[in-house]
Amino acid sequence: MAVTIAIMPDGLQVFRRVSNLAVRAMHHFQQLEAVQALLEPAITEQQQSAATTAAIAPKPCNNSDTPAGNTIAAAGCGGSSNGHHRDHADGVALKCLLLWLACYDDLFSRRCDVSGTLIAWEPGTAIPLPPIVRPYWLSLEGLADAARDPSKRKAYHYHLAPLPSASTAAPAA
């Protein structure tokens, strides 16, 4: 008489570990956002005064969404009234976190890219877990591709994951 034992992962342990990874990923994304903010060019007083003058006087906007010859203040052309453009750095951390979390919709069906298994015993705790690590160290475009296309995703069991160390992890630009 053969006895089969179904090994089911402990759901609470799975989501605890994903939560821990999310904290690590969010820290990474916040560092990325801080680096991008530091790399923005500093505005000199001369640029600020020129931007203020331009904001007061209406001029044609070269935005392709508006008809030719339309006069819109410079502040309406995609920049702020002081000429400082931060659009690309604002909200990067949140956007990256949401894209990374979107890669977890196949948490219990995606096999590990290293071992090829769906469930593995976690060393040290002897808890069966699915591959819970999804790479968060990708670029914004890489995260968007992985969120959009499941075939571009990677999944790893925690003990097999190529996690970047805290000292060598450079933010992806």
C-alpha atoms as a PDB file:
ATOM      1  CA  MET A   1       0.000   0.000   0.000  1.00  0.00           C
ATOM      2  CA  ALA A   2       1.584   3.256  -1.156  1.00  0.00           C
ATOM      3  CA  VAL A   3       1.052   6.363   0.879  1.00  0.00           C
ATOM      4  CA  THR A   4       1.405   9.711  -0.784  1.00  0.00           C
ATOM      5  CA  ILE A   5       1.962  12.808   1.250  1.00  0.00           C
ATOM      6  CA  ALA A   6       1.036  16.123  -0.252  1.00  0.00           C
ATOM      7  CA  ILE A   7       3.539  18.793   0.633  1.00  0.00           C
ATOM      8  CA  MET A   8       1.838  22.138   0.784  1.00  0.00           C
ATOM      9  CA  PRO A   9       3.726  25.312   1.597  1.00  0.00           C
ATOM     10  CA  ASP A  10       2.774  27.132   4.759  1.00  0.00           C
ATOM     11  CA  GLY A  11       1.003  30.186   3.348  1.00  0.00           C
ATOM     12  CA  LEU A  12       1.856  32.351   6.331  1.00  0.00           C
ATOM     13  CA  GLN A  13       5.575  31.595   5.960  1.00  0.00           C
ATOM     14  CA  VAL A  14       5.429  32.324   2.233  1.00  0.00           C
ATOM     15  CA  PHE A  15       3.918  35.755   2.723  1.00  0.00           C
ATOM     16  CA  ARG A  16       6.237  36.578   5.638  1.00  0.00           C
ATOM     17  CA  ARG A  17       9.203  35.944   3.388  1.00  0.00           C
ATOM     18  CA  VAL A  18       7.710  37.888   0.484  1.00  0.00           C
ATOM     19  CA  SER A  19       7.058  40.754   2.911  1.00  0.00           C
ATOM     20  CA  ASN A  20      10.697  40.656   4.035  1.00  0.00           C
ATOM     21  CA  LEU A  21      11.797  40.724   0.398  1.00  0.00           C
ATOM     22  CA  ALA A  22       9.447  43.653  -0.253  1.00  0.00           C
ATOM     23  CA  VAL A  23      11.143  45.654   2.506  1.00  0.00           C
ATOM     24  CA  ARG A  24      14.527  44.896   0.956  1.00  0.00           C
ATOM     25  CA  ALA A  25      13.236  45.780  -2.523  1.00  0.00           C
ATOM     26  CA  MET A  26      11.636  49.032  -1.324  1.00  0.00           C
ATOM     27  CA  HIS A  27      14.920  50.067   0.292  1.00  0.00           C
ATOM     28  CA  HIS A  28      16.665  49.382  -3.025  1.00  0.00           C
ATOM     29  CA  PHE A  29      14.063  51.399  -4.950  1.00  0.00           C
ATOM     30  CA  GLN A  30      14.300  54.326  -2.506  1.00  0.00           C
ATOM     31  CA  GLN A  31      18.075  54.369  -2.974  1.00  0.00           C
ATOM     32  CA  LEU A  32      17.524  54.374  -6.730  1.00  0.00           C
ATOM     33  CA  GLU A  33      15.175  57.348  -6.445  1.00  0.00           C
ATOM     34  CA  ALA A  34      17.639  59.226  -4.205  1.00  0.00           C
ATOM     35  CA  VAL A  35      20.489  58.645  -6.663  1.00  0.00           C
ATOM     36  CA  GLN A  36      18.366  59.896  -9.550  1.00  0.00           C
ATOM     37  CA  ALA A  37      17.436  63.012  -7.568  1.00  0.00           C
ATOM     38  CA  LEU A  38      21.127  63.686  -6.841  1.00  0.00           C
ATOM     39  CA  LEU A  39      22.076  63.308 -10.478  1.00  0.00           C
ATOM     40  CA  GLU A  40      19.674  66.016 -11.621  1.00  0.00           C
ATOM     41  CA  PRO A  41      21.425  69.210 -12.665  1.00  0.00           C
ATOM     42  CA  ALA A  42      21.446  71.955 -10.069  1.00  0.00           C
ATOM     43  CA  ILE A  43      19.650  75.118 -11.030  1.00  0.00           C
ATOM     44  CA  THR A  44      21.695  78.277 -10.931  1.00  0.00           C
ATOM     45  CA  GLU A  45      20.194  81.622 -10.004  1.00  0.00           C
ATOM     46  CA  GLN A  46      20.547  82.728 -13.622  1.00  0.00           C
ATOM     47  CA  GLN A  47      18.525  79.731 -14.856  1.00  0.00           C
ATOM     48  CA  GLN A  48      15.872  80.413 -12.213  1.00  0.00           C
ATOM     49  CA  SER A  49      15.473  84.043 -13.251  1.00  0.00           C
ATOM     50  CA  ALA A  50      15.316  83.068 -16.931  1.00  0.00           C
ATOM     51  CA  ALA A  51      12.681  80.441 -16.141  1.00  0.00           C
ATOM     52  CA  THR A  52      10.629  82.946 -14.146  1.00  0.00           C
ATOM     53  CA  THR A  53      10.732  85.419 -17.051  1.00  0.00           C
ATOM     54  CA  ALA A  54       9.730  82.671 -19.482  1.00  0.00           C
ATOM     55  CA  ALA A  55       6.857  81.595 -17.239  1.00  0.00           C
ATOM     56  CA  ILE A  56       5.392  85.101 -17.250  1.00  0.00           C
ATOM     57  CA  ALA A  57       5.549  85.691 -21.014  1.00  0.00           C
ATOM     58  CA  PRO A  58       3.430  83.314 -23.118  1.00  0.00           C
ATOM     59  CA  LYS A  59       5.221  81.645 -25.993  1.00  0.00           C
ATOM     60  CA  PRO A  60       4.498  78.851 -28.473  1.00  0.00           C
ATOM     61  CA  CYS A  61       4.705  75.363 -27.060  1.00  0.00           C
ATOM     62  CA  ASN A  62       6.566  72.728 -29.046  1.00  0.00           C
ATOM     63  CA  ASN A  63       4.523  69.945 -27.484  1.00  0.00           C
ATOM     64  CA  SER A  64       3.198  67.599 -30.181  1.00  0.00           C
ATOM     65  CA  ASP A  65      -0.098  67.218 -28.285  1.00  0.00           C
ATOM     66  CA  THR A  66      -1.055  70.861 -28.881  1.00  0.00           C
ATOM     67  CA  PRO A  67      -1.937  72.458 -32.221  1.00  0.00           C
ATOM     68  CA  ALA A  68       0.752  74.515 -33.967  1.00  0.00           C
ATOM     69  CA  GLY A  69       0.712  78.187 -33.032  1.00  0.00           C
ATOM     70  CA  ASN A  70      -0.980  77.610 -29.678  1.00  0.00           C
ATOM     71  CA  THR A  71       0.424  79.924 -27.027  1.00  0.00           C
ATOM     72  CA  ILE A  72       0.829  78.308 -23.674  1.00  0.00           C
ATOM     73  CA  ALA A  73       2.926  79.513 -20.762  1.00  0.00           C
ATOM     74  CA  ALA A  74       6.229  77.702 -20.412  1.00  0.00           C
ATOM     75  CA  ALA A  75       4.956  76.096 -17.218  1.00  0.00           C
ATOM     76  CA  GLY A  76       2.358  74.240 -19.289  1.00  0.00           C
ATOM     77  CA  CYS A  77       4.893  72.600 -21.582  1.00  0.00           C
ATOM     78  CA  GLY A  78       5.731  69.718 -19.269  1.00  0.00           C
ATOM     79  CA  GLY A  79       7.995  71.546 -16.845  1.00  0.00           C
ATOM     80  CA  SER A  80       7.554  73.424 -13.624  1.00  0.00           C
ATOM     81  CA  SER A  81       7.456  77.204 -13.476  1.00  0.00           C
ATOM     82  CA  ASN A  82      10.986  77.311 -12.097  1.00  0.00           C
ATOM     83  CA  GLY A  83      12.313  75.191 -14.970  1.00  0.00           C
ATOM     84  CA  HIS A  84      13.331  72.340 -12.689  1.00  0.00           C
ATOM     85  CA  HIS A  85      12.386  68.985 -14.242  1.00  0.00           C
ATOM     86  CA  ARG A  86      11.952  66.182 -11.687  1.00  0.00           C
ATOM     87  CA  ASP A  87       9.275  64.198 -13.490  1.00  0.00           C
ATOM     88  CA  HIS A  88      11.527  61.199 -14.135  1.00  0.00           C
ATOM     89  CA  ALA A  89      12.567  60.801 -10.478  1.00  0.00           C
ATOM     90  CA  ASP A  90       9.212  61.431  -8.803  1.00  0.00           C
ATOM     91  CA  GLY A  91       7.561  58.212  -7.732  1.00  0.00           C
ATOM     92  CA  VAL A  92      10.212  55.892  -9.157  1.00  0.00           C
ATOM     93  CA  ALA A  93      10.391  53.888  -5.922  1.00  0.00           C
ATOM     94  CA  LEU A  94       6.640  53.301  -5.785  1.00  0.00           C
ATOM     95  CA  LYS A  95       6.417  52.522  -9.500  1.00  0.00           C
ATOM     96  CA  CYS A  96       9.248  49.984  -9.250  1.00  0.00           C
ATOM     97  CA  LEU A  97       7.734  48.368  -6.157  1.00  0.00           C
ATOM     98  CA  LEU A  98       4.345  47.969  -7.833  1.00  0.00           C
ATOM     99  CA  LEU A  99       5.905  46.510 -10.985  1.00  0.00           C
ATOM    100  CA  TRP A 100       7.970  44.113  -8.875  1.00  0.00           C
ATOM    101  CA  LEU A 101       4.893  43.002  -6.912  1.00  0.00           C
ATOM    102  CA  ALA A 102       3.046  42.400 -10.189  1.00  0.00           C
ATOM    103  CA  CYS A 103       5.597  39.660 -10.918  1.00  0.00           C
ATOM    104  CA  TYR A 104       4.179  37.593  -8.050  1.00  0.00           C
ATOM    105  CA  ASP A 105       0.917  36.615  -9.754  1.00  0.00           C
ATOM    106  CA  ASP A 106       2.453  33.221 -10.556  1.00  0.00           C
ATOM    107  CA  LEU A 107       3.937  32.657  -7.086  1.00  0.00           C
ATOM    108  CA  PHE A 108       2.533  29.141  -6.663  1.00  0.00           C
ATOM    109  CA  SER A 109       2.866  28.050 -10.294  1.00  0.00           C
ATOM    110  CA  ARG A 110       6.276  29.324 -11.459  1.00  0.00           C
ATOM    111  CA  ARG A 111       9.189  26.909 -11.148  1.00  0.00           C
ATOM    112  CA  CYS A 112      12.618  27.904  -9.854  1.00  0.00           C
ATOM    113  CA  ASP A 113      14.949  28.974 -12.664  1.00  0.00           C
ATOM    114  CA  VAL A 114      17.896  27.249 -10.971  1.00  0.00           C
ATOM    115  CA  SER A 115      16.504  23.944  -9.676  1.00  0.00           C
ATOM    116  CA  GLY A 116      13.389  23.625 -11.842  1.00  0.00           C
ATOM    117  CA  THR A 117      11.286  22.659  -8.815  1.00  0.00           C
ATOM    118  CA  LEU A 118       8.018  24.186  -7.710  1.00  0.00           C
ATOM    119  CA  ILE A 119       8.468  23.491  -4.000  1.00  0.00           C
ATOM    120  CA  ALA A 120      11.743  23.143  -2.087  1.00  0.00           C
ATOM    121  CA  TRP A 121      12.568  22.616   1.562  1.00  0.00           C
ATOM    122  CA  GLU A 122      14.102  25.776   2.900  1.00  0.00           C
ATOM    123  CA  PRO A 123      17.423  24.961   4.559  1.00  0.00           C
ATOM    124  CA  GLY A 124      17.522  25.730   8.240  1.00  0.00           C
ATOM    125  CA  THR A 125      13.779  25.818   8.796  1.00  0.00           C
ATOM    126  CA  ALA A 126      12.619  22.709   6.925  1.00  0.00           C
ATOM    127  CA  ILE A 127       9.625  24.559   5.529  1.00  0.00           C
ATOM    128  CA  PRO A 128       8.510  23.727   1.983  1.00  0.00           C
ATOM    129  CA  LEU A 129       8.290  26.948  -0.026  1.00  0.00           C
ATOM    130  CA  PRO A 130       7.767  27.938  -3.652  1.00  0.00           C
ATOM    131  CA  PRO A 131      10.366  30.089  -5.425  1.00  0.00           C
ATOM    132  CA  ILE A 132       9.638  33.383  -3.654  1.00  0.00           C
ATOM    133  CA  VAL A 133      12.461  35.569  -4.913  1.00  0.00           C
ATOM    134  CA  ARG A 134      11.739  37.754  -7.922  1.00  0.00           C
ATOM    135  CA  PRO A 135      14.639  39.981  -9.041  1.00  0.00           C
ATOM    136  CA  TYR A 136      14.130  43.544  -7.834  1.00  0.00           C
ATOM    137  CA  TRP A 137      17.553  44.783  -8.952  1.00  0.00           C
ATOM    138  CA  LEU A 138      16.433  45.157 -12.574  1.00  0.00           C
ATOM    139  CA  SER A 139      16.026  48.463 -14.375  1.00  0.00           C
ATOM    140  CA  LEU A 140      12.606  50.115 -14.527  1.00  0.00           C
ATOM    141  CA  GLU A 141      12.235  48.827 -18.087  1.00  0.00           C
ATOM    142  CA  GLY A 142      13.238  45.313 -17.017  1.00  0.00           C
ATOM    143  CA  LEU A 143      10.678  45.354 -14.203  1.00  0.00           C
ATOM    144  CA  ALA A 144       7.995  46.607 -16.584  1.00  0.00           C
ATOM    145  CA  ASP A 145       8.832  43.855 -19.100  1.00  0.00           C
ATOM    146  CA  ALA A 146       8.721  41.183 -16.384  1.00  0.00           C
ATOM    147  CA  ALA A 147       5.403  42.489 -15.061  1.00  0.00           C
ATOM    148  CA  ARG A 148       3.911  42.558 -18.545  1.00  0.00           C
ATOM    149  CA  ASP A 149       5.317  39.283 -19.934  1.00  0.00           C
ATOM    150  CA  PRO A 150       5.518  36.184 -17.675  1.00  0.00           C
ATOM    151  CA  SER A 151       8.058  34.564 -20.009  1.00  0.00           C
ATOM    152  CA  LYS A 152      10.583  37.281 -19.083  1.00  0.00           C
ATOM    153  CA  ARG A 153      10.283  36.643 -15.339  1.00  0.00           C
ATOM    154  CA  LYS A 154      12.800  34.907 -13.154  1.00  0.00           C
ATOM    155  CA  ALA A 155      11.912  33.066  -9.950  1.00  0.00           C
ATOM    156  CA  TYR A 156      14.274  31.565  -7.400  1.00  0.00           C
ATOM    157  CA  HIS A 157      14.107  29.633  -4.180  1.00  0.00           C
ATOM    158  CA  TYR A 158      15.578  31.877  -1.518  1.00  0.00           C
ATOM    159  CA  HIS A 159      18.597  29.669  -0.882  1.00  0.00           C
ATOM    160  CA  LEU A 160      19.404  29.576  -4.629  1.00  0.00           C
ATOM    161  CA  ALA A 161      18.719  33.219  -5.487  1.00  0.00           C
ATOM    162  CA  PRO A 162      21.501  35.434  -6.826  1.00  0.00           C
ATOM    163  CA  LEU A 163      20.661  38.213  -4.360  1.00  0.00           C
ATOM    164  CA  PRO A 164      22.938  41.246  -4.574  1.00  0.00           C
ATOM    165  CA  SER A 165      24.818  41.947  -1.385  1.00  0.00           C
ATOM    166  CA  ALA A 166      24.077  45.226   0.342  1.00  0.00           C
ATOM    167  CA  SER A 167      27.618  46.480  -0.246  1.00  0.00           C
ATOM    168  CA  THR A 168      27.776  45.685  -3.978  1.00  0.00           C
ATOM    169  CA  ALA A 169      24.207  46.416  -5.022  1.00  0.00           C
ATOM    170  CA  ALA A 170      24.214  49.433  -7.272  1.00  0.00           C
ATOM    171  CA  PRO A 171      20.870  50.963  -8.171  1.00  0.00           C
ATOM    172  CA  ALA A 172      19.758  50.099 -11.678  1.00  0.00           C
ATOM    173  CA  ALA A 173      19.223  53.152 -13.821  1.00  0.00           C
END
